[in-house]
Amino acid sequence: MFVAAYWWRVHPGKEEQFRAAWRRGTYLIREKYGSLGSRLHWEDLGGGEGRFIGVAEWPDRETWQRAFDAKMVYDDPETRSAFVDAITDTAREPLLLMEVTDDLLDRG
């Protein structure tokens, strides 16, 4: 398994818009590119600042690379527009790219 982590800062008041678009986009990426899904996390940076971090799982690096090279474009302009509209800042590259060596998450 392969894991890629990304981060986004979101306009105040647009957190729910972002989360809804992220959920829909994650579903579409899973359907079109073969990801295994993702988790969205909130990182509190202090002083009222924070960012969302998404950790996506992929069957392997090659599957992720094909999707990354295609910019993970999906056929839902409304979802993409809502996602982009909510964001104030994002990493241009993934925060982390990692091979899973041991997995003890309870998926039951």
Protein backbone atom coordinates (compact mmCIF):
# COMPACT_ATOMS: atom_id res chain seq x y z
CA MET A 1 0.00 0.00 0.00
CA PHE A 2 1.08 3.57 -0.72
CA VAL A 3 0.06 6.72 1.17
CA ALA A 4 0.09 10.35 0.03
CA ALA A 5 -0.63 13.28 2.38
CA TYR A 6 -1.73 16.76 1.27
CA TRP A 7 -2.65 19.97 3.12
CA TRP A 8 -4.98 22.92 2.56
CA ARG A 9 -5.80 26.14 4.40
CA VAL A 10 -9.41 27.20 4.03
CA HIS A 11 -11.20 30.57 4.10
CA PRO A 12 -12.90 31.15 7.47
CA GLY A 13 -16.54 30.13 7.24
CA LYS A 14 -15.96 27.81 4.28
CA GLU A 15 -14.87 24.76 6.26
CA GLU A 16 -18.08 22.81 5.64
CA GLN A 17 -18.05 23.72 1.93
CA PHE A 18 -14.47 22.45 1.73
CA ARG A 19 -15.23 19.23 3.61
CA ALA A 20 -18.25 18.44 1.43
CA ALA A 21 -16.26 19.06 -1.77
CA TRP A 22 -13.33 17.04 -0.40
CA ARG A 23 -15.62 14.09 0.36
CA ARG A 24 -17.23 14.19 -3.10
CA GLY A 25 -13.85 14.67 -4.83
CA THR A 26 -12.33 11.79 -2.87
CA TYR A 27 -15.19 9.53 -3.97
CA LEU A 28 -14.72 10.58 -7.61
CA ILE A 29 -10.93 10.06 -7.46
CA ARG A 30 -11.49 6.62 -5.97
CA GLU A 31 -13.90 5.74 -8.79
CA LYS A 32 -11.82 7.16 -11.65
CA TYR A 33 -8.24 6.51 -10.53
CA GLY A 34 -8.43 3.54 -8.18
CA SER A 35 -7.48 5.11 -4.85
CA LEU A 36 -8.50 3.26 -1.70
CA GLY A 37 -10.01 6.40 -0.18
CA SER A 38 -8.73 9.01 2.22
CA ARG A 39 -9.07 10.51 5.68
CA LEU A 40 -9.33 14.23 6.37
CA HIS A 41 -7.70 15.63 9.51
CA TRP A 42 -7.57 19.05 11.18
CA GLU A 43 -4.21 20.34 12.40
CA ASP A 44 -4.45 23.16 14.96
CA LEU A 45 -1.42 25.40 14.39
CA GLY A 46 -2.26 27.70 17.32
CA GLY A 47 -3.36 31.30 17.37
CA GLY A 48 -6.60 30.49 15.57
CA GLU A 49 -4.68 29.09 12.60
CA GLY A 50 -4.97 25.58 11.23
CA ARG A 51 -5.07 23.46 8.13
CA PHE A 52 -6.76 20.36 6.82
CA ILE A 53 -4.55 17.39 6.03
CA GLY A 54 -5.77 14.60 3.77
CA VAL A 55 -4.11 11.20 3.93
CA ALA A 56 -4.99 9.10 0.89
CA GLU A 57 -4.31 5.40 0.50
CA TRP A 58 -3.46 3.80 -2.83
CA PRO A 59 -2.86 0.19 -3.79
CA ASP A 60 0.67 1.09 -4.94
CA ARG A 61 2.87 4.01 -5.97
CA GLU A 62 2.29 3.40 -9.68
CA THR A 63 -1.49 3.83 -9.35
CA TRP A 64 -0.98 7.05 -7.38
CA GLN A 65 1.59 8.32 -9.89
CA ARG A 66 -0.78 7.84 -12.84
CA ALA A 67 -3.49 9.77 -10.99
CA PHE A 68 -1.04 12.48 -9.89
CA ASP A 69 0.29 12.88 -13.44
CA ALA A 70 -3.33 13.30 -14.64
CA LYS A 71 -3.79 15.97 -11.91
CA MET A 72 -6.60 13.78 -10.53
CA VAL A 73 -9.09 15.60 -12.74
CA TYR A 74 -12.64 14.28 -12.46
CA ASP A 75 -15.81 15.09 -14.36
CA ASP A 76 -17.64 17.24 -11.81
CA PRO A 77 -16.93 20.96 -12.32
CA GLU A 78 -19.33 21.98 -9.51
CA THR A 79 -17.42 19.94 -6.92
CA ARG A 80 -14.06 21.17 -8.18
CA SER A 81 -15.25 24.79 -8.13
CA ALA A 82 -16.54 24.50 -4.54
CA PHE A 83 -13.24 22.90 -3.47
CA VAL A 84 -11.06 25.58 -5.08
CA ASP A 85 -13.32 28.42 -3.87
CA ALA A 86 -12.87 27.30 -0.24
CA ILE A 87 -9.07 27.15 -0.32
CA THR A 88 -6.75 30.02 0.64
CA ASP A 89 -3.49 28.06 0.40
CA THR A 90 -2.29 24.57 -0.44
CA ALA A 91 0.93 22.66 -0.97
CA ARG A 92 2.00 22.45 -4.59
CA GLU A 93 3.35 18.96 -3.97
CA PRO A 94 2.23 16.25 -1.54
CA LEU A 95 3.30 16.76 2.07
CA LEU A 96 4.38 13.12 2.41
CA LEU A 97 4.70 10.13 0.09
CA MET A 98 5.13 6.85 1.95
CA GLU A 99 5.14 3.10 1.45
CA VAL A 100 3.23 1.25 4.18
CA THR A 101 5.43 -1.32 5.90
CA ASP A 102 3.16 -2.42 8.76
CA ASP A 103 -0.58 -1.73 9.05
CA LEU A 104 -2.32 -2.23 12.40
CA LEU A 105 -5.36 -0.01 11.76
CA ASP A 106 -8.61 -1.68 12.77
CA ARG A 107 -10.74 -1.48 9.64
CA GLY A 108 -13.58 -3.52 11.10
